[in-house]
PDB file of N, CA and C in Angstrom:
ATOM      1  N   MET A   1     238.141 -32.101 308.771  1.00  0.00           N
ATOM      2  CA  MET A   1     239.046 -32.661 307.784  1.00  0.00           C
ATOM      3  C   MET A   1     238.269 -33.463 306.743  1.00  0.00           C
ATOM      4  N   ALA A   2     237.232 -34.162 307.176  1.00  0.00           N
ATOM      5  CA  ALA A   2     236.426 -34.952 306.247  1.00  0.00           C
ATOM      6  C   ALA A   2     235.779 -34.058 305.196  1.00  0.00           C
ATOM      7  N   THR A   3     235.364 -32.869 305.590  1.00  0.00           N
ATOM      8  CA  THR A   3     234.760 -31.919 304.645  1.00  0.00           C
ATOM      9  C   THR A   3     235.785 -31.480 303.607  1.00  0.00           C
ATOM     10  N   ALA A   4     236.996 -31.184 304.052  1.00  0.00           N
ATOM     11  CA  ALA A   4     238.061 -30.780 303.120  1.00  0.00           C
ATOM     12  C   ALA A   4     238.372 -31.896 302.133  1.00  0.00           C
ATOM     13  N   GLN A   5     238.432 -33.119 302.630  1.00  0.00           N
ATOM     14  CA  GLN A   5     238.709 -34.258 301.742  1.00  0.00           C
ATOM     15  C   GLN A   5     237.576 -34.455 300.756  1.00  0.00           C
ATOM     16  N   SER A   6     236.353 -34.356 301.206  1.00  0.00           N
ATOM     17  CA  SER A   6     235.193 -34.523 300.328  1.00  0.00           C
ATOM     18  C   SER A   6     235.157 -33.440 299.249  1.00  0.00           C
ATOM     19  N   THR A   7     235.429 -32.214 299.663  1.00  0.00           N
ATOM     20  CA  THR A   7     235.448 -31.099 298.705  1.00  0.00           C
ATOM     21  C   THR A   7     236.544 -31.301 297.667  1.00  0.00           C
ATOM     22  N   THR A   8     237.725 -31.740 298.111  1.00  0.00           N
ATOM     23  CA  THR A   8     238.830 -31.990 297.193  1.00  0.00           C
ATOM     24  C   THR A   8     238.482 -33.109 296.214  1.00  0.00           C
ATOM     25  N   ASP A   9     237.929 -34.189 296.729  1.00  0.00           N
ATOM     26  CA  ASP A   9     237.522 -35.308 295.868  1.00  0.00           C
ATOM     27  C   ASP A   9     236.510 -34.856 294.824  1.00  0.00           C
ATOM     28  N   THR A  10     235.521 -34.080 295.248  1.00  0.00           N
ATOM     29  CA  THR A  10     234.494 -33.597 294.334  1.00  0.00           C
ATOM     30  C   THR A  10     235.077 -32.675 293.269  1.00  0.00           C
ATOM     31  N   THR A  11     235.969 -31.794 293.692  1.00  0.00           N
ATOM     32  CA  THR A  11     236.586 -30.855 292.748  1.00  0.00           C
ATOM     33  C   THR A  11     237.346 -31.593 291.651  1.00  0.00           C
ATOM     34  N   TRP A  12     238.176 -32.561 292.041  1.00  0.00           N
ATOM     35  CA  TRP A  12     238.975 -33.279 291.046  1.00  0.00           C
ATOM     36  C   TRP A  12     238.126 -34.240 290.221  1.00  0.00           C
ATOM     37  N   THR A  13     237.108 -34.819 290.794  1.00  0.00           N
ATOM     38  CA  THR A  13     236.198 -35.683 290.040  1.00  0.00           C
ATOM     39  C   THR A  13     235.478 -34.855 288.974  1.00  0.00           C
ATOM     40  N   ASN A  14     235.018 -33.679 289.355  1.00  0.00           N
ATOM     41  CA  ASN A  14     234.357 -32.790 288.393  1.00  0.00           C
ATOM     42  C   ASN A  14     235.324 -32.349 287.295  1.00  0.00           C
ATOM     43  N   TRP A  15     236.558 -32.054 287.662  1.00  0.00           N
ATOM     44  CA  TRP A  15     237.554 -31.642 286.674  1.00  0.00           C
ATOM     45  C   TRP A  15     237.789 -32.772 285.673  1.00  0.00           C
ATOM     46  N   LEU A  16     237.955 -33.985 286.164  1.00  0.00           N
ATOM     47  CA  LEU A  16     238.170 -35.117 285.261  1.00  0.00           C
ATOM     48  C   LEU A  16     236.982 -35.312 284.326  1.00  0.00           C
ATOM     49  N   SER A  17     235.773 -35.131 284.825  1.00  0.00           N
ATOM     50  CA  SER A  17     234.570 -35.359 283.997  1.00  0.00           C
ATOM     51  C   SER A  17     234.394 -34.295 282.924  1.00  0.00           C
ATOM     52  N   GLN A  18     235.067 -33.165 283.051  1.00  0.00           N
ATOM     53  CA  GLN A  18     234.978 -32.108 282.033  1.00  0.00           C
ATOM     54  C   GLN A  18     235.813 -32.423 280.801  1.00  0.00           C
ATOM     55  N   GLY A  19     236.693 -33.388 280.908  1.00  0.00           N
ATOM     56  CA  GLY A  19     237.552 -33.750 279.788  1.00  0.00           C
ATOM     57  C   GLY A  19     237.072 -35.003 279.098  1.00  0.00           C
ATOM     58  N   VAL A  20     237.951 -35.589 278.344  1.00  0.00           N
ATOM     59  CA  VAL A  20     237.680 -36.821 277.634  1.00  0.00           C
ATOM     60  C   VAL A  20     237.580 -37.960 278.657  1.00  0.00           C
ATOM     61  N   THR A  21     236.578 -38.769 278.500  1.00  0.00           N
ATOM     62  CA  THR A  21     236.476 -39.950 279.353  1.00  0.00           C
ATOM     63  C   THR A  21     236.690 -41.184 278.491  1.00  0.00           C
ATOM     64  N   ILE A  22     237.396 -42.135 279.031  1.00  0.00           N
ATOM     65  CA  ILE A  22     237.709 -43.369 278.328  1.00  0.00           C
ATOM     66  C   ILE A  22     237.302 -44.525 279.225  1.00  0.00           C
ATOM     67  N   ASP A  23     236.725 -45.531 278.620  1.00  0.00           N
ATOM     68  CA  ASP A  23     236.367 -46.727 279.387  1.00  0.00           C
ATOM     69  C   ASP A  23     237.143 -47.893 278.806  1.00  0.00           C
ATOM     70  N   PHE A  24     238.286 -48.176 279.418  1.00  0.00           N
ATOM     71  CA  PHE A  24     239.090 -49.302 278.986  1.00  0.00           C
ATOM     72  C   PHE A  24     238.442 -50.608 279.464  1.00  0.00           C
ATOM     73  N   GLN A  25     238.780 -51.696 278.830  1.00  0.00           N
ATOM     74  CA  GLN A  25     238.244 -52.988 279.259  1.00  0.00           C
ATOM     75  C   GLN A  25     238.716 -53.347 280.655  1.00  0.00           C
ATOM     76  N   ASP A  26     239.913 -52.939 280.991  1.00  0.00           N
ATOM     77  CA  ASP A  26     240.481 -53.207 282.302  1.00  0.00           C
ATOM     78  C   ASP A  26     240.381 -51.937 283.150  1.00  0.00           C
ATOM     79  N   ASP A  27     239.679 -52.002 284.263  1.00  0.00           N
ATOM     80  CA  ASP A  27     239.493 -50.832 285.118  1.00  0.00           C
ATOM     81  C   ASP A  27     240.801 -50.260 285.632  1.00  0.00           C
ATOM     82  N   ASP A  28     241.835 -51.086 285.702  1.00  0.00           N
ATOM     83  CA  ASP A  28     243.138 -50.583 286.140  1.00  0.00           C
ATOM     84  C   ASP A  28     243.663 -49.522 285.174  1.00  0.00           C
ATOM     85  N   TYR A  29     243.387 -49.666 283.890  1.00  0.00           N
ATOM     86  CA  TYR A  29     243.811 -48.663 282.908  1.00  0.00           C
ATOM     87  C   TYR A  29     243.008 -47.381 283.065  1.00  0.00           C
ATOM     88  N   ASP A  30     241.730 -47.493 283.410  1.00  0.00           N
ATOM     89  CA  ASP A  30     240.921 -46.302 283.685  1.00  0.00           C
ATOM     90  C   ASP A  30     241.539 -45.507 284.839  1.00  0.00           C
ATOM     91  N   LYS A  31     241.894 -46.213 285.898  1.00  0.00           N
ATOM     92  CA  LYS A  31     242.508 -45.563 287.063  1.00  0.00           C
ATOM     93  C   LYS A  31     243.840 -44.932 286.695  1.00  0.00           C
ATOM     94  N   LEU A  32     244.632 -45.629 285.912  1.00  0.00           N
ATOM     95  CA  LEU A  32     245.937 -45.118 285.498  1.00  0.00           C
ATOM     96  C   LEU A  32     245.791 -43.855 284.654  1.00  0.00           C
ATOM     97  N   PHE A  33     244.844 -43.861 283.726  1.00  0.00           N
ATOM     98  CA  PHE A  33     244.585 -42.694 282.880  1.00  0.00           C
ATOM     99  C   PHE A  33     244.216 -41.483 283.742  1.00  0.00           C
ATOM    100  N   LYS A  34     243.303 -41.684 284.677  1.00  0.00           N
ATOM    101  CA  LYS A  34     242.850 -40.576 285.542  1.00  0.00           C
ATOM    102  C   LYS A  34     243.981 -40.087 286.454  1.00  0.00           C
ATOM    103  N   ARG A  35     244.728 -41.014 287.022  1.00  0.00           N
ATOM    104  CA  ARG A  35     245.828 -40.613 287.901  1.00  0.00           C
ATOM    105  C   ARG A  35     246.916 -39.863 287.122  1.00  0.00           C
ATOM    106  N   GLY A  36     247.153 -40.274 285.881  1.00  0.00           N
ATOM    107  CA  GLY A  36     248.126 -39.575 285.048  1.00  0.00           C
ATOM    108  C   GLY A  36     247.688 -38.145 284.754  1.00  0.00           C
ATOM    109  N   LEU A  37     246.402 -37.973 284.459  1.00  0.00           N
ATOM    110  CA  LEU A  37     245.889 -36.624 284.224  1.00  0.00           C
ATOM    111  C   LEU A  37     245.978 -35.773 285.483  1.00  0.00           C
ATOM    112  N   LEU A  38     245.609 -36.359 286.608  1.00  0.00           N
ATOM    113  CA  LEU A  38     245.691 -35.619 287.869  1.00  0.00           C
ATOM    114  C   LEU A  38     247.136 -35.249 288.201  1.00  0.00           C
ATOM    115  N   ALA A  39     248.060 -36.159 287.975  1.00  0.00           N
ATOM    116  CA  ALA A  39     249.471 -35.866 288.241  1.00  0.00           C
ATOM    117  C   ALA A  39     249.950 -34.718 287.360  1.00  0.00           C
ATOM    118  N   THR A  40     249.540 -34.716 286.107  1.00  0.00           N
ATOM    119  CA  THR A  40     249.915 -33.627 285.205  1.00  0.00           C
ATOM    120  C   THR A  40     249.294 -32.319 285.671  1.00  0.00           C
ATOM    121  N   ALA A  41     248.022 -32.352 286.020  1.00  0.00           N
ATOM    122  CA  ALA A  41     247.325 -31.143 286.476  1.00  0.00           C
ATOM    123  C   ALA A  41     247.964 -30.574 287.734  1.00  0.00           C
ATOM    124  N   LEU A  42     248.433 -31.434 288.626  1.00  0.00           N
ATOM    125  CA  LEU A  42     249.047 -30.958 289.859  1.00  0.00           C
ATOM    126  C   LEU A  42     250.392 -30.277 289.618  1.00  0.00           C
ATOM    127  N   HIS A  43     250.975 -30.478 288.462  1.00  0.00           N
ATOM    128  CA  HIS A  43     252.238 -29.825 288.115  1.00  0.00           C
ATOM    129  C   HIS A  43     252.014 -28.475 287.417  1.00  0.00           C
ATOM    130  N   LEU A  44     250.766 -28.120 287.151  1.00  0.00           N
ATOM    131  CA  LEU A  44     250.455 -26.856 286.484  1.00  0.00           C
ATOM    132  C   LEU A  44     250.378 -25.723 287.505  1.00  0.00           C
ATOM    133  N   ASP A  45     251.037 -24.630 287.205  1.00  0.00           N
ATOM    134  CA  ASP A  45     250.933 -23.434 288.041  1.00  0.00           C
ATOM    135  C   ASP A  45     249.721 -22.651 287.558  1.00  0.00           C
ATOM    136  N   SER A  46     248.689 -22.576 288.378  1.00  0.00           N
ATOM    137  CA  SER A  46     247.431 -21.955 287.947  1.00  0.00           C
ATOM    138  C   SER A  46     247.563 -20.457 287.747  1.00  0.00           C
ATOM    139  N   THR A  47     248.572 -19.836 288.319  1.00  0.00           N
ATOM    140  CA  THR A  47     248.753 -18.390 288.156  1.00  0.00           C
ATOM    141  C   THR A  47     249.444 -18.058 286.844  1.00  0.00           C
ATOM    142  N   SER A  48     250.560 -18.738 286.574  1.00  0.00           N
ATOM    143  CA  SER A  48     251.352 -18.381 285.392  1.00  0.00           C
ATOM    144  C   SER A  48     251.087 -19.271 284.182  1.00  0.00           C
ATOM    145  N   GLY A  49     250.636 -20.501 284.400  1.00  0.00           N
ATOM    146  CA  GLY A  49     250.464 -21.443 283.306  1.00  0.00           C
ATOM    147  C   GLY A  49     251.673 -22.340 283.102  1.00  0.00           C
ATOM    148  N   ALA A  50     252.734 -22.120 283.867  1.00  0.00           N
ATOM    149  CA  ALA A  50     253.932 -22.943 283.751  1.00  0.00           C
ATOM    150  C   ALA A  50     253.652 -24.355 284.245  1.00  0.00           C
ATOM    151  N   VAL A  51     254.434 -25.299 283.749  1.00  0.00           N
ATOM    152  CA  VAL A  51     254.362 -26.678 284.208  1.00  0.00           C
ATOM    153  C   VAL A  51     255.686 -26.983 284.893  1.00  0.00           C
ATOM    154  N   VAL A  52     255.627 -27.265 286.184  1.00  0.00           N
ATOM    155  CA  VAL A  52     256.867 -27.545 286.902  1.00  0.00           C
ATOM    156  C   VAL A  52     257.306 -28.980 286.634  1.00  0.00           C
ATOM    157  N   ALA A  53     258.604 -29.169 286.626  1.00  0.00           N
ATOM    158  CA  ALA A  53     259.167 -30.481 286.299  1.00  0.00           C
ATOM    159  C   ALA A  53     259.022 -31.471 287.441  1.00  0.00           C
ATOM    160  N   GLY A  54     258.990 -30.995 288.653  1.00  0.00           N
ATOM    161  CA  GLY A  54     258.877 -31.912 289.772  1.00  0.00           C
ATOM    162  C   GLY A  54     258.648 -31.175 291.073  1.00  0.00           C
ATOM    163  N   MET A  55     258.167 -31.921 292.039  1.00  0.00           N
ATOM    164  CA  MET A  55     257.889 -31.322 293.338  1.00  0.00           C
ATOM    165  C   MET A  55     258.544 -32.102 294.460  1.00  0.00           C
ATOM    166  N   HIS A  56     259.490 -32.939 294.148  1.00  0.00           N
ATOM    167  CA  HIS A  56     260.147 -33.745 295.179  1.00  0.00           C
ATOM    168  C   HIS A  56     260.794 -32.814 296.199  1.00  0.00           C
ATOM    169  N   ASN A  57     260.334 -32.873 297.404  1.00  0.00           N
ATOM    170  CA  ASN A  57     260.837 -32.032 298.498  1.00  0.00           C
ATOM    171  C   ASN A  57     260.703 -30.537 298.196  1.00  0.00           C
ATOM    172  N   GLY A  58     259.875 -30.184 297.235  1.00  0.00           N
ATOM    173  CA  GLY A  58     259.676 -28.782 296.897  1.00  0.00           C
ATOM    174  C   GLY A  58     260.908 -28.103 296.332  1.00  0.00           C
ATOM    175  N   ALA A  59     261.867 -28.889 295.843  1.00  0.00           N
ATOM    176  CA  ALA A  59     263.153 -28.321 295.462  1.00  0.00           C
ATOM    177  C   ALA A  59     263.355 -28.183 293.953  1.00  0.00           C
ATOM    178  N   TYR A  60     262.383 -28.535 293.140  1.00  0.00           N
ATOM    179  CA  TYR A  60     262.617 -28.447 291.693  1.00  0.00           C
ATOM    180  C   TYR A  60     261.411 -27.857 290.975  1.00  0.00           C
ATOM    181  N   MET A  61     261.148 -26.624 291.283  1.00  0.00           N
ATOM    182  CA  MET A  61     259.975 -25.955 290.723  1.00  0.00           C
ATOM    183  C   MET A  61     260.362 -25.171 289.460  1.00  0.00           C
ATOM    184  N   TYR A  62     260.919 -25.869 288.480  1.00  0.00           N
ATOM    185  CA  TYR A  62     261.307 -25.238 287.216  1.00  0.00           C
ATOM    186  C   TYR A  62     260.432 -25.743 286.092  1.00  0.00           C
ATOM    187  N   CYS A  63     260.248 -24.901 285.095  1.00  0.00           N
ATOM    188  CA  CYS A  63     259.485 -25.245 283.907  1.00  0.00           C
ATOM    189  C   CYS A  63     260.455 -25.377 282.738  1.00  0.00           C
ATOM    190  N   TRP A  64     260.484 -26.544 282.130  1.00  0.00           N
ATOM    191  CA  TRP A  64     261.290 -26.795 280.937  1.00  0.00           C
ATOM    192  C   TRP A  64     260.345 -26.673 279.732  1.00  0.00           C
ATOM    193  N   PRO A  65     260.585 -25.756 278.822  1.00  0.00           N
ATOM    194  CA  PRO A  65     259.668 -25.571 277.686  1.00  0.00           C
ATOM    195  C   PRO A  65     259.350 -26.859 276.930  1.00  0.00           C
ATOM    196  N   ARG A  66     260.354 -27.668 276.672  1.00  0.00           N
ATOM    197  CA  ARG A  66     260.125 -28.924 275.958  1.00  0.00           C
ATOM    198  C   ARG A  66     259.113 -29.799 276.676  1.00  0.00           C
ATOM    199  N   ASP A  67     259.286 -29.982 277.967  1.00  0.00           N
ATOM    200  CA  ASP A  67     258.392 -30.835 278.743  1.00  0.00           C
ATOM    201  C   ASP A  67     257.023 -30.188 278.922  1.00  0.00           C
ATOM    202  N   ALA A  68     256.999 -28.872 279.031  1.00  0.00           N
ATOM    203  CA  ALA A  68     255.729 -28.158 279.184  1.00  0.00           C
ATOM    204  C   ALA A  68     254.835 -28.358 277.966  1.00  0.00           C
ATOM    205  N   VAL A  69     255.440 -28.388 276.784  1.00  0.00           N
ATOM    206  CA  VAL A  69     254.653 -28.615 275.572  1.00  0.00           C
ATOM    207  C   VAL A  69     254.036 -30.007 275.584  1.00  0.00           C
ATOM    208  N   TRP A  70     254.776 -31.002 276.033  1.00  0.00           N
ATOM    209  CA  TRP A  70     254.211 -32.353 276.125  1.00  0.00           C
ATOM    210  C   TRP A  70     253.027 -32.376 277.082  1.00  0.00           C
ATOM    211  N   ALA A  71     253.138 -31.661 278.186  1.00  0.00           N
ATOM    212  CA  ALA A  71     252.015 -31.588 279.139  1.00  0.00           C
ATOM    213  C   ALA A  71     250.833 -30.864 278.496  1.00  0.00           C
ATOM    214  N   ALA A  72     251.099 -29.801 277.737  1.00  0.00           N
ATOM    215  CA  ALA A  72     250.021 -29.066 277.073  1.00  0.00           C
ATOM    216  C   ALA A  72     249.311 -29.927 276.032  1.00  0.00           C
ATOM    217  N   VAL A  73     250.079 -30.699 275.291  1.00  0.00           N
ATOM    218  CA  VAL A  73     249.486 -31.615 274.314  1.00  0.00           C
ATOM    219  C   VAL A  73     248.615 -32.644 275.021  1.00  0.00           C
ATOM    220  N   THR A  74     249.126 -33.189 276.111  1.00  0.00           N
ATOM    221  CA  THR A  74     248.362 -34.164 276.891  1.00  0.00           C
ATOM    222  C   THR A  74     247.046 -33.567 277.375  1.00  0.00           C
ATOM    223  N   MET A  75     247.104 -32.370 277.937  1.00  0.00           N
ATOM    224  CA  MET A  75     245.891 -31.715 278.435  1.00  0.00           C
ATOM    225  C   MET A  75     244.893 -31.458 277.293  1.00  0.00           C
ATOM    226  N   ALA A  76     245.390 -31.008 276.157  1.00  0.00           N
ATOM    227  CA  ALA A  76     244.495 -30.729 275.034  1.00  0.00           C
ATOM    228  C   ALA A  76     243.847 -32.006 274.511  1.00  0.00           C
ATOM    229  N   ARG A  77     244.631 -33.049 274.344  1.00  0.00           N
ATOM    230  CA  ARG A  77     244.081 -34.313 273.834  1.00  0.00           C
ATOM    231  C   ARG A  77     243.108 -34.949 274.819  1.00  0.00           C
ATOM    232  N   ALA A  78     243.271 -34.618 276.101  1.00  0.00           N
ATOM    233  CA  ALA A  78     242.371 -35.145 277.116  1.00  0.00           C
ATOM    234  C   ALA A  78     241.160 -34.226 277.337  1.00  0.00           C
ATOM    235  N   GLY A  79     241.055 -33.171 276.528  1.00  0.00           N
ATOM    236  CA  GLY A  79     239.887 -32.293 276.590  1.00  0.00           C
ATOM    237  C   GLY A  79     239.982 -31.167 277.602  1.00  0.00           C
ATOM    238  N   HIS A  80     241.144 -30.942 278.167  1.00  0.00           N
ATOM    239  CA  HIS A  80     241.332 -29.859 279.141  1.00  0.00           C
ATOM    240  C   HIS A  80     242.038 -28.691 278.445  1.00  0.00           C
ATOM    241  N   HIS A  81     241.280 -28.045 277.563  1.00  0.00           N
ATOM    242  CA  HIS A  81     241.837 -26.999 276.707  1.00  0.00           C
ATOM    243  C   HIS A  81     242.261 -25.733 277.451  1.00  0.00           C
ATOM    244  N   PRO A  82     241.541 -25.269 278.468  1.00  0.00           N
ATOM    245  CA  PRO A  82     242.019 -24.064 279.164  1.00  0.00           C
ATOM    246  C   PRO A  82     243.405 -24.257 279.786  1.00  0.00           C
ATOM    247  N   GLU A  83     243.644 -25.414 280.367  1.00  0.00           N
ATOM    248  CA  GLU A  83     244.936 -25.684 280.965  1.00  0.00           C
ATOM    249  C   GLU A  83     246.026 -25.715 279.898  1.00  0.00           C
ATOM    250  N   SER A  84     245.720 -26.325 278.774  1.00  0.00           N
ATOM    251  CA  SER A  84     246.664 -26.374 277.667  1.00  0.00           C
ATOM    252  C   SER A  84     246.982 -24.974 277.159  1.00  0.00           C
ATOM    253  N   ALA A  85     245.962 -24.164 276.987  1.00  0.00           N
ATOM    254  CA  ALA A  85     246.163 -22.784 276.508  1.00  0.00           C
ATOM    255  C   ALA A  85     247.017 -21.985 277.486  1.00  0.00           C
ATOM    256  N   ASN A  86     246.832 -22.218 278.775  1.00  0.00           N
ATOM    257  CA  ASN A  86     247.625 -21.491 279.775  1.00  0.00           C
ATOM    258  C   ASN A  86     249.107 -21.813 279.646  1.00  0.00           C
ATOM    259  N   VAL A  87     249.430 -23.059 279.332  1.00  0.00           N
ATOM    260  CA  VAL A  87     250.833 -23.438 279.143  1.00  0.00           C
ATOM    261  C   VAL A  87     251.416 -22.680 277.951  1.00  0.00           C
ATOM    262  N   TYR A  88     250.689 -22.671 276.844  1.00  0.00           N
ATOM    263  CA  TYR A  88     251.185 -21.977 275.648  1.00  0.00           C
ATOM    264  C   TYR A  88     251.290 -20.477 275.880  1.00  0.00           C
ATOM    265  N   ASN A  89     250.356 -19.906 276.636  1.00  0.00           N
ATOM    266  CA  ASN A  89     250.443 -18.478 276.962  1.00  0.00           C
ATOM    267  C   ASN A  89     251.689 -18.184 277.788  1.00  0.00           C
ATOM    268  N   PHE A  90     251.979 -19.041 278.761  1.00  0.00           N
ATOM    269  CA  PHE A  90     253.194 -18.872 279.553  1.00  0.00           C
ATOM    270  C   PHE A  90     254.422 -18.898 278.642  1.00  0.00           C
ATOM    271  N   LEU A  91     254.476 -19.870 277.757  1.00  0.00           N
ATOM    272  CA  LEU A  91     255.637 -19.997 276.872  1.00  0.00           C
ATOM    273  C   LEU A  91     255.755 -18.810 275.923  1.00  0.00           C
ATOM    274  N   ARG A  92     254.629 -18.333 275.415  1.00  0.00           N
ATOM    275  CA  ARG A  92     254.655 -17.165 274.527  1.00  0.00           C
ATOM    276  C   ARG A  92     255.169 -15.934 275.277  1.00  0.00           C
ATOM    277  N   GLN A  93     254.646 -15.717 276.471  1.00  0.00           N
ATOM    278  CA  GLN A  93     255.083 -14.556 277.251  1.00  0.00           C
ATOM    279  C   GLN A  93     256.549 -14.670 277.650  1.00  0.00           C
ATOM    280  N   THR A  94     256.987 -15.876 277.935  1.00  0.00           N
ATOM    281  CA  THR A  94     258.363 -16.097 278.362  1.00  0.00           C
ATOM    282  C   THR A  94     259.337 -15.865 277.205  1.00  0.00           C
ATOM    283  N   ALA A  95     258.958 -16.270 276.014  1.00  0.00           N
ATOM    284  CA  ALA A  95     259.847 -16.130 274.855  1.00  0.00           C
ATOM    285  C   ALA A  95     259.838 -14.728 274.288  1.00  0.00           C
ATOM    286  N   SER A  96     258.864 -13.935 274.659  1.00  0.00           N
ATOM    287  CA  SER A  96     258.737 -12.589 274.108  1.00  0.00           C
ATOM    288  C   SER A  96     259.551 -11.623 274.955  1.00  0.00           C
ATOM    289  N   ARG A  97     260.785 -11.400 274.550  1.00  0.00           N
ATOM    290  CA  ARG A  97     261.668 -10.470 275.256  1.00  0.00           C
ATOM    291  C   ARG A  97     262.080  -9.370 274.278  1.00  0.00           C
ATOM    292  N   GLU A  98     261.765  -8.165 274.639  1.00  0.00           N
ATOM    293  CA  GLU A  98     261.973  -7.032 273.730  1.00  0.00           C
ATOM    294  C   GLU A  98     263.437  -6.648 273.547  1.00  0.00           C
ATOM    295  N   ASN A  99     264.244  -6.771 274.577  1.00  0.00           N
ATOM    296  CA  ASN A  99     265.577  -6.186 274.533  1.00  0.00           C
ATOM    297  C   ASN A  99     266.707  -7.197 274.450  1.00  0.00           C
ATOM    298  N   GLU A 100     266.451  -8.353 273.925  1.00  0.00           N
ATOM    299  CA  GLU A 100     267.511  -9.350 273.773  1.00  0.00           C
ATOM    300  C   GLU A 100     268.204  -9.129 272.430  1.00  0.00           C
ATOM    301  N   SER A 101     269.495  -9.293 272.395  1.00  0.00           N
ATOM    302  CA  SER A 101     270.243  -9.027 271.168  1.00  0.00           C
ATOM    303  C   SER A 101     269.844  -9.998 270.053  1.00  0.00           C
ATOM    304  N   TRP A 102     269.402 -11.213 270.382  1.00  0.00           N
ATOM    305  CA  TRP A 102     269.038 -12.189 269.350  1.00  0.00           C
ATOM    306  C   TRP A 102     267.559 -12.137 269.012  1.00  0.00           C
ATOM    307  N   GLY A 103     266.819 -11.273 269.665  1.00  0.00           N
ATOM    308  CA  GLY A 103     265.411 -11.071 269.311  1.00  0.00           C
ATOM    309  C   GLY A 103     264.468 -11.973 270.088  1.00  0.00           C
ATOM    310  N   LYS A 104     263.255 -12.021 269.602  1.00  0.00           N
ATOM    311  CA  LYS A 104     262.198 -12.773 270.270  1.00  0.00           C
ATOM    312  C   LYS A 104     262.225 -14.239 269.855  1.00  0.00           C
ATOM    313  N   GLY A 105     261.583 -15.063 270.671  1.00  0.00           N
ATOM    314  CA  GLY A 105     261.370 -16.444 270.296  1.00  0.00           C
ATOM    315  C   GLY A 105     262.437 -17.417 270.719  1.00  0.00           C
ATOM    316  N   PHE A 106     263.384 -17.009 271.522  1.00  0.00           N
ATOM    317  CA  PHE A 106     264.443 -17.890 271.977  1.00  0.00           C
ATOM    318  C   PHE A 106     264.105 -18.399 273.376  1.00  0.00           C
ATOM    319  N   PHE A 107     264.168 -19.709 273.566  1.00  0.00           N
ATOM    320  CA  PHE A 107     263.897 -20.278 274.894  1.00  0.00           C
ATOM    321  C   PHE A 107     265.195 -20.651 275.578  1.00  0.00           C
ATOM    322  N   PHE A 108     265.247 -20.357 276.855  1.00  0.00           N
ATOM    323  CA  PHE A 108     266.326 -20.890 277.690  1.00  0.00           C
ATOM    324  C   PHE A 108     265.962 -22.328 278.044  1.00  0.00           C
ATOM    325  N   GLN A 109     266.869 -23.008 278.712  1.00  0.00           N
ATOM    326  CA  GLN A 109     266.676 -24.409 279.073  1.00  0.00           C
ATOM    327  C   GLN A 109     265.508 -24.594 280.028  1.00  0.00           C
ATOM    328  N   LYS A 110     265.402 -23.720 281.035  1.00  0.00           N
ATOM    329  CA  LYS A 110     264.342 -23.846 282.029  1.00  0.00           C
ATOM    330  C   LYS A 110     264.040 -22.465 282.598  1.00  0.00           C
ATOM    331  N   TYR A 111     262.882 -22.382 283.254  1.00  0.00           N
ATOM    332  CA  TYR A 111     262.412 -21.129 283.845  1.00  0.00           C
ATOM    333  C   TYR A 111     261.795 -21.402 285.206  1.00  0.00           C
ATOM    334  N   THR A 112     261.800 -20.386 286.042  1.00  0.00           N
ATOM    335  CA  THR A 112     260.970 -20.436 287.240  1.00  0.00           C
ATOM    336  C   THR A 112     259.530 -20.152 286.782  1.00  0.00           C
ATOM    337  N   THR A 113     258.563 -20.393 287.631  1.00  0.00           N
ATOM    338  CA  THR A 113     257.168 -20.234 287.212  1.00  0.00           C
ATOM    339  C   THR A 113     256.785 -18.797 286.932  1.00  0.00           C
ATOM    340  N   ASP A 114     257.618 -17.835 287.318  1.00  0.00           N
ATOM    341  CA  ASP A 114     257.315 -16.442 286.993  1.00  0.00           C
ATOM    342  C   ASP A 114     257.996 -16.001 285.712  1.00  0.00           C
ATOM    343  N   GLY A 115     258.613 -16.953 284.992  1.00  0.00           N
ATOM    344  CA  GLY A 115     259.232 -16.658 283.706  1.00  0.00           C
ATOM    345  C   GLY A 115     260.667 -16.200 283.836  1.00  0.00           C
TER     346      GLY A 115
END
């Protein structure tokens, strides 16, 4: 178990170091910034690029386009561009429906991670 924890810690530490680093005067803000990024990253579906709204009891795995864009902006501004691009790719693929009477580019309120 110690090996799994060490590997997980190393993976997320490396991920954080690939983005923007900030050194606030108060170390508590540094911790808050990193934890916020990690919390956002944990809501990203690595397969589809969707951002789930919540994981409380595993019962709310929906992606809201409005909220997903905010997460994508956050990831981009924090230097995590691949994750941000994946969100936009998910949204582009989700909005691109060939046979809808109103055409392409219309978003529903929310989606499952498979669109």
